[in-house]
Protein backbone atom coordinates (compact mmCIF):
# COMPACT_ATOMS: atom_id res chain seq x y z
CA MET A 1 0.00 0.00 0.00
CA LEU A 2 2.65 2.53 0.97
CA ASP A 3 4.56 1.95 -2.27
CA ARG A 4 1.44 2.79 -4.28
CA GLY A 5 1.19 6.38 -3.06
CA THR A 6 -0.53 6.19 0.30
CA ASN A 7 1.06 8.19 3.08
CA ASN A 8 -0.03 5.93 5.87
CA TYR A 9 -1.63 2.56 6.50
CA MET A 10 -3.17 1.07 9.61
CA VAL A 11 -4.41 -2.47 10.20
CA LYS A 12 -7.79 -3.11 11.76
CA PRO A 13 -8.72 -3.20 14.56
CA LEU A 14 -7.49 0.34 15.16
CA ARG A 15 -6.05 1.27 18.52
CA THR A 16 -6.99 4.79 19.54
CA GLY A 17 -3.51 5.61 20.83
CA ASP A 18 -1.88 4.59 17.54
CA LEU A 19 -4.40 6.57 15.52
CA LEU A 20 -3.87 9.72 17.62
CA ALA A 21 -0.07 9.36 17.36
CA ARG A 22 -0.31 9.15 13.56
CA ILE A 23 -2.58 12.20 13.44
CA ARG A 24 -0.10 14.20 15.57
CA SER A 25 2.73 13.08 13.27
CA ALA A 26 0.81 14.16 10.16
CA LEU A 27 0.08 17.54 11.72
CA ARG A 28 3.77 18.03 12.53
CA ASN A 29 4.73 17.29 8.92
CA CYS A 30 2.34 19.86 7.49
CA SER A 31 2.10 22.53 10.14
CA VAL A 32 0.61 25.95 10.60
CA GLN A 33 2.99 28.02 12.70
CA SER A 34 2.37 31.41 14.27
CA GLY A 35 -0.90 31.85 12.37
CA ARG A 36 0.82 31.62 8.98
CA PRO A 37 0.21 28.58 6.80
CA LYS A 38 3.41 26.67 6.09
CA ILE A 39 4.20 23.34 4.55
CA VAL A 40 7.18 21.76 6.28
CA HIS A 41 8.77 18.55 5.08
CA ARG A 42 12.08 17.86 6.82
CA ASN A 43 14.48 20.59 5.58
CA LEU A 44 12.01 22.13 3.11
CA GLU A 45 9.72 24.94 4.25
CA ILE A 46 7.11 26.51 1.96
CA ASP A 47 5.45 29.61 3.42
CA LEU A 48 2.09 29.96 1.71
CA ALA A 49 1.42 33.43 3.12
CA THR A 50 4.62 35.07 1.89
CA ARG A 51 5.19 32.72 -1.09
CA THR A 52 8.74 31.99 0.03
CA VAL A 53 10.71 28.75 0.11
CA LYS A 54 13.53 27.81 2.48
CA LEU A 55 15.72 24.79 2.04
CA ASN A 56 18.17 23.96 4.83
CA SER A 57 17.20 27.35 6.34
CA GLN A 58 18.41 29.14 3.18
CA GLN A 59 15.89 31.10 1.12
CA ILE A 60 15.52 29.79 -2.45
CA ASN A 61 14.43 32.20 -5.17
CA LEU A 62 11.85 30.69 -7.50
CA THR A 63 9.74 32.07 -10.31
CA ALA A 64 5.99 32.33 -9.71
CA ILE A 65 5.32 29.16 -11.69
CA GLN A 66 8.11 27.23 -9.96
CA TYR A 67 6.75 28.30 -6.57
CA SER A 68 3.19 27.30 -7.52
CA LEU A 69 4.40 23.89 -8.67
CA LEU A 70 6.41 23.29 -5.51
CA ALA A 71 3.50 24.39 -3.30
CA LEU A 72 1.17 22.03 -5.18
CA PHE A 73 3.63 19.15 -4.77
CA GLY A 74 4.17 20.04 -1.10
CA LYS A 75 0.44 20.01 -0.37
CA ASN A 76 0.21 16.58 -2.00
CA LYS A 77 3.42 14.95 -0.75
CA GLY A 78 3.68 11.34 -1.85
CA ARG A 79 0.61 11.48 -4.07
CA ILE A 80 0.86 11.05 -7.82
CA LEU A 81 -0.45 14.20 -9.52
CA THR A 82 -1.47 13.66 -13.13
CA HIS A 83 -0.14 15.88 -15.88
CA GLN A 84 -3.65 17.18 -16.58
CA TYR A 85 -4.34 17.95 -12.92
CA ILE A 86 -1.11 19.93 -12.54
CA LEU A 87 -1.63 21.83 -15.79
CA ARG A 88 -5.21 22.68 -14.80
CA GLU A 89 -4.17 23.86 -11.32
CA ILE A 90 -1.20 25.96 -12.46
CA TRP A 91 -2.10 27.23 -15.93
CA GLY A 92 -5.85 26.66 -16.25
CA GLU A 93 -8.28 24.41 -18.08
CA GLU A 94 -7.22 25.47 -21.59
CA TYR A 95 -3.64 24.22 -21.02
CA THR A 96 -4.35 20.61 -20.01
CA ILE A 97 -2.74 19.23 -23.19
CA GLN A 98 0.42 21.36 -23.03
CA LEU A 99 2.71 18.73 -21.49
CA GLN A 100 5.83 20.51 -22.73
CA TYR A 101 5.11 23.48 -20.42
CA LEU A 102 5.01 21.15 -17.48
CA ARG A 103 8.16 19.24 -18.45
CA VAL A 104 10.16 22.44 -18.82
CA TYR A 105 9.06 23.90 -15.48
CA VAL A 106 9.51 20.66 -13.55
CA ALA A 107 13.04 20.37 -14.96
CA GLN A 108 13.78 23.96 -13.87
CA LEU A 109 12.31 23.33 -10.42
CA ARG A 110 14.38 20.17 -10.02
CA LYS A 111 17.52 22.08 -10.95
CA GLU A 112 16.78 24.83 -8.39
CA ILE A 113 15.68 22.62 -5.52
CA GLU A 114 17.10 19.11 -5.74
CA LYS A 115 20.73 20.24 -6.07
CA ASN A 116 20.48 21.82 -2.59
CA ALA A 117 18.24 19.20 -1.01
CA GLY A 118 21.07 16.95 0.11
CA GLY A 119 19.21 13.89 -1.13
CA THR A 120 16.28 14.40 1.24
CA PHE A 121 13.59 14.67 -1.41
CA GLN A 122 12.98 14.55 -5.12
CA ILE A 123 10.28 15.14 -7.67
CA LYS A 124 9.74 11.73 -9.23
CA THR A 125 8.37 11.19 -12.71
CA GLU A 126 5.58 8.64 -12.92
CA SER A 127 5.95 7.65 -16.56
CA GLY A 128 2.86 8.41 -18.62
CA ILE A 129 0.94 9.63 -15.55
CA GLY A 130 2.52 12.64 -13.85
CA TYR A 131 4.80 13.55 -10.94
CA ARG A 132 5.03 13.24 -7.18
CA LEU A 133 7.12 14.72 -4.38
CA VAL A 134 8.94 11.98 -2.48
CA ILE A 135 10.56 12.65 0.88
CA LEU A 136 13.49 10.25 1.24
CA GLY A 137 14.44 8.66 4.53
CA ASN A 138 10.99 9.29 5.98
């Protein structure tokens, strides 16, 4: 199950303590701090209020499209996002067949982010389907 894109899996019967611990863990991984919405995955911090990104506590300068892509991946960590879904969310309904746009921007985002990530995460290509953000060592 976990290899197919789920973030978590629990066997029945559920124990309340285990369920609560997993909920607390999920909230820590995607936290809202000091009233400002932030997505935090290990050494990557995406501040949704100020549209800034920090990696290893260093601010990373991204274009508006690169930021929007990273925020979308961050909100959906581990999930496969289809090409059409990403294109619709970032560019709009009329661009859902423009795969080249997406390929170019994902390549640029990888170049900006993954080189400084220290191997802690990557944007994986799901051939023929789309992309997903994978946090390594988690």
